[in-house]
Amino acid sequence: MFVLFLKATVTRILNMLLILVIVASCNIVSGTTIKPIVMWHGMGDSCCNPISLGRIKLIIEDTFPGVYVKSIKIGANIIEDTENGFFLNANVQVEEVCSQLANDSKLADGYNAIGFSQGAQFLRAVAQRCPSPPMINLVSLGGQHQGVYGLPNCGYPAHKWCDYIRKILNVGAYWSWVQRELVQAEYWHDPLNEEEYRQRSIFLADINNERQLNETYRTNLLKLKNLILVRFNNDTIVEPRETEWFGFYRPGQAKEVYSLRESPLYIEDRIGLKQMDKEGRLKLIAIDGNHLQFSEEWFVSTILHGFLE
């Protein structure tokens, strides 16, 4: 009788363990173990546009049921959020987002970040300036990490302010009031006037440690598990497209470009890119297509399943 009782007990225990394994597996598949995801939109877009980030949010939630997704909104509504992407100082925006994230209890244990176009370099600034709560992985989709020198249009659909902004940048990107008031001027990088760029850029030259070395920026970026840089091979929006991988025009002209590993930023390891690369934590992904043009299947398989955790 004791043997039969022992066998029955062992069987029950094994069945219970099997049930626990199945439940745990279901939780992993459903996405409940995925860290929260923070997204930041690009120029001319908003947090919740149903054909852009609103749709992306649904895709993420379908892929990882139960995951918390925060799409950054700066302002009281979608209109203000869109306008602020043009006219609210990037440093003020980053400070506001740092406050939003710090006050969100759901992010306390860390989060993954996905930046779209200019939202990518803004999220990098968050990682460098505000390490709490911790950003785990940063995905940059078409981010302009070495800036831009040209603004052919503002994406699709083209925004009414594009021509106005283009004219100002071509004339006075480094005028003090333009730097303070126009977001795109704050990551405008003129290769014909490198010294003026370094001295007058109030955002990009700072986060790229191009004036003086801020060791905190480097230390904080190195806390990322992975920095994933996605370049769009047929990008006609970003000039030069190599900036999406930290490349840029060689100084003194605007035709020949240097690559990531040829850049002073990398060679001098000003923000930790060289170290991350050597450690296999800097991921370079190229995709054919124009700016931010990718399929749902690619996004799910390459980005969501590939790098988020």
Protein backbone atom coordinates (compact mmCIF):
# COMPACT_ATOMS: atom_id res chain seq x y z
CA MET A 1 0.00 0.00 0.00
CA PHE A 2 2.83 2.35 0.89
CA VAL A 3 4.47 1.77 -2.50
CA LEU A 4 1.20 2.54 -4.28
CA PHE A 5 0.76 5.66 -2.18
CA LEU A 6 4.31 6.75 -2.95
CA LYS A 7 3.83 6.21 -6.68
CA ALA A 8 0.58 8.20 -6.64
CA THR A 9 2.25 11.02 -4.74
CA VAL A 10 5.20 11.15 -7.13
CA THR A 11 2.80 11.13 -10.08
CA ARG A 12 0.85 14.04 -8.64
CA ILE A 13 4.04 16.00 -8.04
CA LEU A 14 5.26 15.36 -11.58
CA ASN A 15 1.90 16.44 -13.00
CA MET A 16 2.01 19.60 -10.94
CA LEU A 17 5.53 20.35 -12.18
CA LEU A 18 4.41 19.77 -15.76
CA ILE A 19 1.52 22.18 -15.28
CA LEU A 20 3.90 24.80 -13.87
CA VAL A 21 6.25 24.40 -16.85
CA ILE A 22 3.35 24.77 -19.28
CA VAL A 23 2.08 27.87 -17.50
CA ALA A 24 5.55 29.40 -17.47
CA SER A 25 5.96 28.66 -21.16
CA CYS A 26 2.63 30.29 -21.93
CA ASN A 27 3.66 33.36 -19.99
CA ILE A 28 6.84 33.68 -22.03
CA VAL A 29 4.97 33.28 -25.30
CA SER A 30 2.27 35.72 -24.28
CA GLY A 31 4.85 38.37 -23.53
CA THR A 32 4.22 38.81 -19.81
CA THR A 33 7.97 38.47 -19.16
CA ILE A 34 8.85 41.16 -21.69
CA LYS A 35 10.01 44.42 -20.12
CA PRO A 36 7.92 47.52 -20.82
CA ILE A 37 8.54 49.30 -24.11
CA VAL A 38 8.90 53.05 -24.55
CA MET A 39 8.57 54.60 -28.03
CA TRP A 40 9.36 58.10 -29.26
CA HIS A 41 8.02 59.28 -32.62
CA GLY A 42 9.74 61.27 -35.33
CA MET A 43 9.32 64.70 -36.89
CA GLY A 44 5.81 65.52 -38.08
CA ASP A 45 4.34 62.54 -36.25
CA SER A 46 2.73 62.03 -32.87
CA CYS A 47 2.48 59.47 -30.11
CA CYS A 48 -0.79 57.98 -31.24
CA ASN A 49 -1.26 58.43 -34.98
CA PRO A 50 -3.32 55.35 -35.99
CA ILE A 51 -1.31 54.84 -39.20
CA SER A 52 2.10 55.13 -37.53
CA LEU A 53 2.93 54.71 -33.84
CA GLY A 54 -0.66 53.94 -32.94
CA ARG A 55 -0.44 50.98 -35.29
CA ILE A 56 3.02 50.00 -34.02
CA LYS A 57 1.69 49.96 -30.46
CA LEU A 58 -1.06 47.51 -31.49
CA ILE A 59 1.49 45.28 -33.24
CA ILE A 60 3.63 45.14 -30.11
CA GLU A 61 0.65 44.39 -27.89
CA ASP A 62 -0.51 41.64 -30.26
CA THR A 63 2.97 40.14 -30.27
CA PHE A 64 3.44 40.33 -26.50
CA PRO A 65 0.01 40.27 -24.84
CA GLY A 66 0.10 42.01 -21.50
CA VAL A 67 3.22 44.07 -22.20
CA TYR A 68 3.17 47.72 -21.12
CA VAL A 69 3.80 50.10 -24.04
CA LYS A 70 4.34 53.81 -23.45
CA SER A 71 4.34 56.05 -26.53
CA ILE A 72 5.86 59.40 -25.61
CA LYS A 73 3.54 62.40 -25.83
CA ILE A 74 4.77 65.89 -25.10
CA GLY A 75 1.88 68.28 -24.71
CA ALA A 76 -1.78 68.10 -23.78
CA ASN A 77 -2.92 66.48 -27.03
CA ILE A 78 -1.79 65.04 -30.36
CA ILE A 79 -1.65 68.46 -32.04
CA GLU A 80 0.66 69.87 -29.36
CA ASP A 81 2.75 66.71 -29.48
CA THR A 82 3.24 67.12 -33.23
CA GLU A 83 4.04 70.84 -32.96
CA ASN A 84 6.54 70.24 -30.18
CA GLY A 85 8.44 67.91 -32.50
CA PHE A 86 9.29 71.05 -34.48
CA PHE A 87 9.31 73.92 -32.03
CA LEU A 88 10.09 72.74 -28.48
CA ASN A 89 13.78 72.75 -27.60
CA ALA A 90 15.15 69.20 -27.72
CA ASN A 91 16.84 69.57 -24.34
CA VAL A 92 13.52 70.60 -22.80
CA GLN A 93 11.83 67.62 -24.45
CA VAL A 94 14.43 65.20 -23.11
CA GLU A 95 14.10 66.66 -19.62
CA GLU A 96 10.30 66.29 -19.81
CA VAL A 97 10.58 62.67 -20.95
CA CYS A 98 13.09 61.87 -18.21
CA SER A 99 10.52 63.14 -15.71
CA GLN A 100 7.71 61.14 -17.33
CA LEU A 101 9.71 57.92 -17.19
CA ALA A 102 10.95 58.48 -13.64
CA ASN A 103 7.38 59.00 -12.44
CA ASP A 104 5.99 55.91 -14.17
CA SER A 105 6.06 53.07 -11.64
CA LYS A 106 5.60 50.50 -14.39
CA LEU A 107 9.08 51.32 -15.70
CA ALA A 108 10.89 51.09 -12.38
CA ASP A 109 12.56 47.75 -13.17
CA GLY A 110 13.74 48.85 -16.61
CA TYR A 111 12.41 49.16 -20.13
CA ASN A 112 13.23 48.67 -23.79
CA ALA A 113 13.24 51.77 -26.00
CA ILE A 114 12.40 52.19 -29.68
CA GLY A 115 13.11 55.52 -31.34
CA PHE A 116 11.72 56.48 -34.73
CA SER A 117 13.78 58.96 -36.75
CA GLN A 118 14.61 61.98 -34.55
CA GLY A 119 13.00 60.18 -31.63
CA ALA A 120 15.97 57.81 -31.73
CA GLN A 121 18.64 60.40 -30.92
CA PHE A 122 16.31 61.90 -28.33
CA LEU A 123 15.98 58.52 -26.59
CA ARG A 124 19.76 58.14 -26.75
CA ALA A 125 19.99 61.45 -24.90
CA VAL A 126 17.59 60.02 -22.30
CA ALA A 127 19.88 57.01 -21.86
CA GLN A 128 22.92 59.25 -21.46
CA ARG A 129 21.37 61.85 -19.18
CA CYS A 130 18.78 59.89 -17.17
CA PRO A 131 19.87 56.35 -16.29
CA SER A 132 16.97 55.81 -13.87
CA PRO A 133 14.78 53.99 -14.61
CA PRO A 134 17.27 51.89 -16.57
CA MET A 135 17.00 51.60 -20.33
CA ILE A 136 17.90 48.02 -21.29
CA ASN A 137 17.98 47.96 -25.09
CA LEU A 138 17.74 50.94 -27.44
CA VAL A 139 16.49 50.40 -30.99
CA SER A 140 17.17 53.28 -33.35
CA LEU A 141 15.06 53.19 -36.53
CA GLY A 142 16.53 55.73 -38.94
CA GLY A 143 17.93 57.94 -36.18
CA GLN A 144 20.22 60.83 -37.13
CA HIS A 145 23.02 60.27 -34.61
CA GLN A 146 25.61 62.38 -36.39
CA GLY A 147 23.00 64.91 -37.41
CA VAL A 148 21.77 65.91 -40.84
CA TYR A 149 22.91 68.29 -43.55
CA GLY A 150 19.82 68.65 -45.67
CA LEU A 151 16.09 68.44 -45.17
CA PRO A 152 14.48 67.39 -48.46
CA ASN A 153 11.10 66.78 -46.82
CA CYS A 154 9.58 65.76 -43.52
CA GLY A 155 8.47 62.27 -44.38
CA TYR A 156 5.06 61.09 -45.46
CA PRO A 157 2.77 62.91 -45.45
CA ALA A 158 4.90 66.04 -45.88
CA HIS A 159 4.12 68.60 -43.20
CA LYS A 160 3.14 72.21 -43.90
CA TRP A 161 6.15 73.52 -41.96
CA CYS A 162 8.79 71.65 -43.98
CA ASP A 163 9.59 74.40 -46.49
CA TYR A 164 9.71 77.02 -43.74
CA ILE A 165 12.13 74.97 -41.66
CA ARG A 166 14.30 74.09 -44.66
CA LYS A 167 14.76 77.76 -45.57
CA ILE A 168 15.73 78.74 -42.04
CA LEU A 169 18.24 75.91 -41.66
CA ASN A 170 19.93 76.70 -44.96
CA VAL A 171 20.46 80.31 -43.85
CA GLY A 172 20.97 80.37 -40.10
CA ALA A 173 20.96 76.98 -38.39
CA TYR A 174 23.39 78.18 -35.73
CA TRP A 175 21.80 81.51 -34.92
CA SER A 176 21.11 81.42 -31.20
CA TRP A 177 17.35 81.90 -31.49
CA VAL A 178 17.11 79.21 -34.19
CA GLN A 179 19.00 76.77 -31.98
CA ARG A 180 16.69 77.54 -29.07
CA GLU A 181 13.41 77.41 -30.97
CA LEU A 182 13.77 74.97 -33.87
CA VAL A 183 14.27 71.30 -33.06
CA GLN A 184 15.83 70.29 -36.38
CA ALA A 185 18.50 73.00 -36.03
CA GLU A 186 19.64 71.29 -32.84
CA TYR A 187 20.88 68.28 -34.79
CA TRP A 188 21.91 70.19 -37.92
CA HIS A 189 25.54 69.29 -38.65
CA ASP A 190 27.30 71.47 -41.21
CA PRO A 191 30.43 69.66 -42.47
CA LEU A 192 31.62 72.91 -44.10
CA ASN A 193 31.70 74.60 -40.69
CA GLU A 194 32.66 71.92 -38.19
CA GLU A 195 33.97 74.35 -35.59
CA GLU A 196 30.81 76.46 -35.68
CA TYR A 197 28.76 73.28 -35.32
CA ARG A 198 30.74 72.12 -32.29
CA GLN A 199 30.53 75.47 -30.56
CA ARG A 200 26.94 76.41 -31.35
CA SER A 201 24.97 73.14 -31.51
CA ILE A 202 23.10 73.09 -28.21
CA PHE A 203 21.98 69.44 -28.43
CA LEU A 204 23.79 67.08 -30.80
CA ALA A 205 27.34 68.32 -30.19
CA ASP A 206 26.64 67.96 -26.48
CA ILE A 207 25.33 64.38 -26.42
CA ASN A 208 28.10 63.34 -28.85
CA ASN A 209 30.73 64.77 -26.48
CA GLU A 210 32.21 66.96 -29.20
CA ARG A 211 32.99 70.04 -27.09
CA GLN A 212 34.23 68.54 -23.86
CA LEU A 213 34.18 65.02 -22.53
CA ASN A 214 31.25 64.31 -20.24
CA GLU A 215 32.26 60.96 -18.83
CA THR A 216 28.77 60.47 -17.38
CA TYR A 217 27.30 60.37 -20.89
CA ARG A 218 29.72 57.62 -21.86
CA THR A 219 29.23 55.65 -18.63
CA ASN A 220 25.45 55.79 -18.90
CA LEU A 221 25.30 54.73 -22.56
CA LEU A 222 27.53 51.77 -21.76
CA LYS A 223 24.85 50.56 -19.33
CA LEU A 224 22.74 49.53 -22.33
CA LYS A 225 22.69 45.83 -23.03
CA ASN A 226 22.45 46.53 -26.77
CA LEU A 227 22.34 49.55 -29.05
CA ILE A 228 20.61 48.54 -32.28
CA LEU A 229 21.06 50.91 -35.24
CA VAL A 230 18.78 50.38 -38.23
CA ARG A 231 19.75 52.09 -41.51
CA PHE A 232 17.39 52.40 -44.46
CA ASN A 233 19.44 51.78 -47.60
CA ASN A 234 17.20 53.79 -49.91
CA ASP A 235 16.53 56.67 -47.51
CA THR A 236 15.73 59.91 -49.35
CA ILE A 237 14.66 61.78 -46.23
CA VAL A 238 17.84 61.70 -44.16
CA GLU A 239 21.00 63.29 -45.56
CA PRO A 240 23.38 61.58 -45.35
CA ARG A 241 21.77 58.22 -44.62
CA GLU A 242 25.08 57.05 -43.11
CA THR A 243 24.24 59.12 -40.03
CA GLU A 244 21.83 56.32 -39.09
CA TRP A 245 24.97 54.26 -38.36
CA PHE A 246 26.95 57.19 -36.92
CA GLY A 247 28.64 57.92 -40.24
CA PHE A 248 28.79 61.41 -41.77
CA TYR A 249 30.35 63.67 -44.38
CA ARG A 250 34.08 64.14 -44.16
CA PRO A 251 34.86 67.69 -42.99
CA GLY A 252 35.08 70.45 -45.57
CA GLN A 253 32.70 69.01 -48.16
CA ALA A 254 29.32 67.30 -48.48
CA LYS A 255 29.86 64.39 -50.86
CA GLU A 256 32.30 61.89 -49.42
CA VAL A 257 31.25 60.18 -46.20
CA TYR A 258 33.11 58.29 -43.51
CA SER A 259 31.74 55.16 -41.85
CA LEU A 260 31.05 54.54 -38.18
CA ARG A 261 34.45 53.00 -37.52
CA GLU A 262 36.23 55.82 -39.37
CA SER A 263 34.52 58.53 -37.34
CA PRO A 264 36.35 60.49 -34.63
CA LEU A 265 33.40 59.73 -32.36
CA TYR A 266 34.21 56.00 -32.66
CA ILE A 267 38.01 56.18 -32.85
CA GLU A 268 38.22 58.37 -29.73
CA ASP A 269 35.36 56.40 -28.15
CA ARG A 270 33.72 59.56 -26.88
CA ILE A 271 30.42 57.93 -25.94
CA GLY A 272 31.36 54.25 -25.75
CA LEU A 273 30.55 53.06 -29.28
CA LYS A 274 33.95 51.42 -29.81
CA GLN A 275 33.74 49.52 -26.52
CA MET A 276 30.18 48.38 -27.23
CA ASP A 277 31.24 47.25 -30.71
CA LYS A 278 34.14 45.20 -29.35
CA GLU A 279 31.81 43.60 -26.82
CA GLY A 280 29.26 42.71 -29.52
CA ARG A 281 26.61 45.04 -28.08
CA LEU A 282 26.49 47.45 -31.03
CA LYS A 283 24.20 45.97 -33.68
CA LEU A 284 24.14 47.36 -37.22
CA ILE A 285 21.11 46.39 -39.29
CA ALA A 286 20.45 47.49 -42.87
CA ILE A 287 17.11 47.23 -44.60
CA ASP A 288 16.17 48.13 -48.14
CA GLY A 289 13.52 50.80 -48.43
CA ASN A 290 12.94 54.49 -47.83
CA HIS A 291 12.85 56.21 -44.45
CA LEU A 292 10.91 54.18 -41.85
CA GLN A 293 9.50 51.91 -44.55
CA PHE A 294 9.39 48.37 -43.20
CA SER A 295 6.95 45.50 -43.08
CA GLU A 296 5.12 44.31 -40.01
CA GLU A 297 6.71 40.88 -40.46
CA TRP A 298 10.22 42.37 -40.49
CA PHE A 299 9.52 44.49 -37.42
CA VAL A 300 8.15 41.57 -35.43
CA SER A 301 10.80 39.02 -36.39
CA THR A 302 13.90 41.25 -36.50
CA ILE A 303 13.21 43.83 -33.81
CA LEU A 304 10.61 42.54 -31.38
CA HIS A 305 11.70 38.91 -31.26
CA GLY A 306 15.32 39.74 -32.04
CA PHE A 307 16.24 42.25 -29.36
CA LEU A 308 13.52 42.95 -26.80
CA GLU A 309 13.41 41.09 -23.52
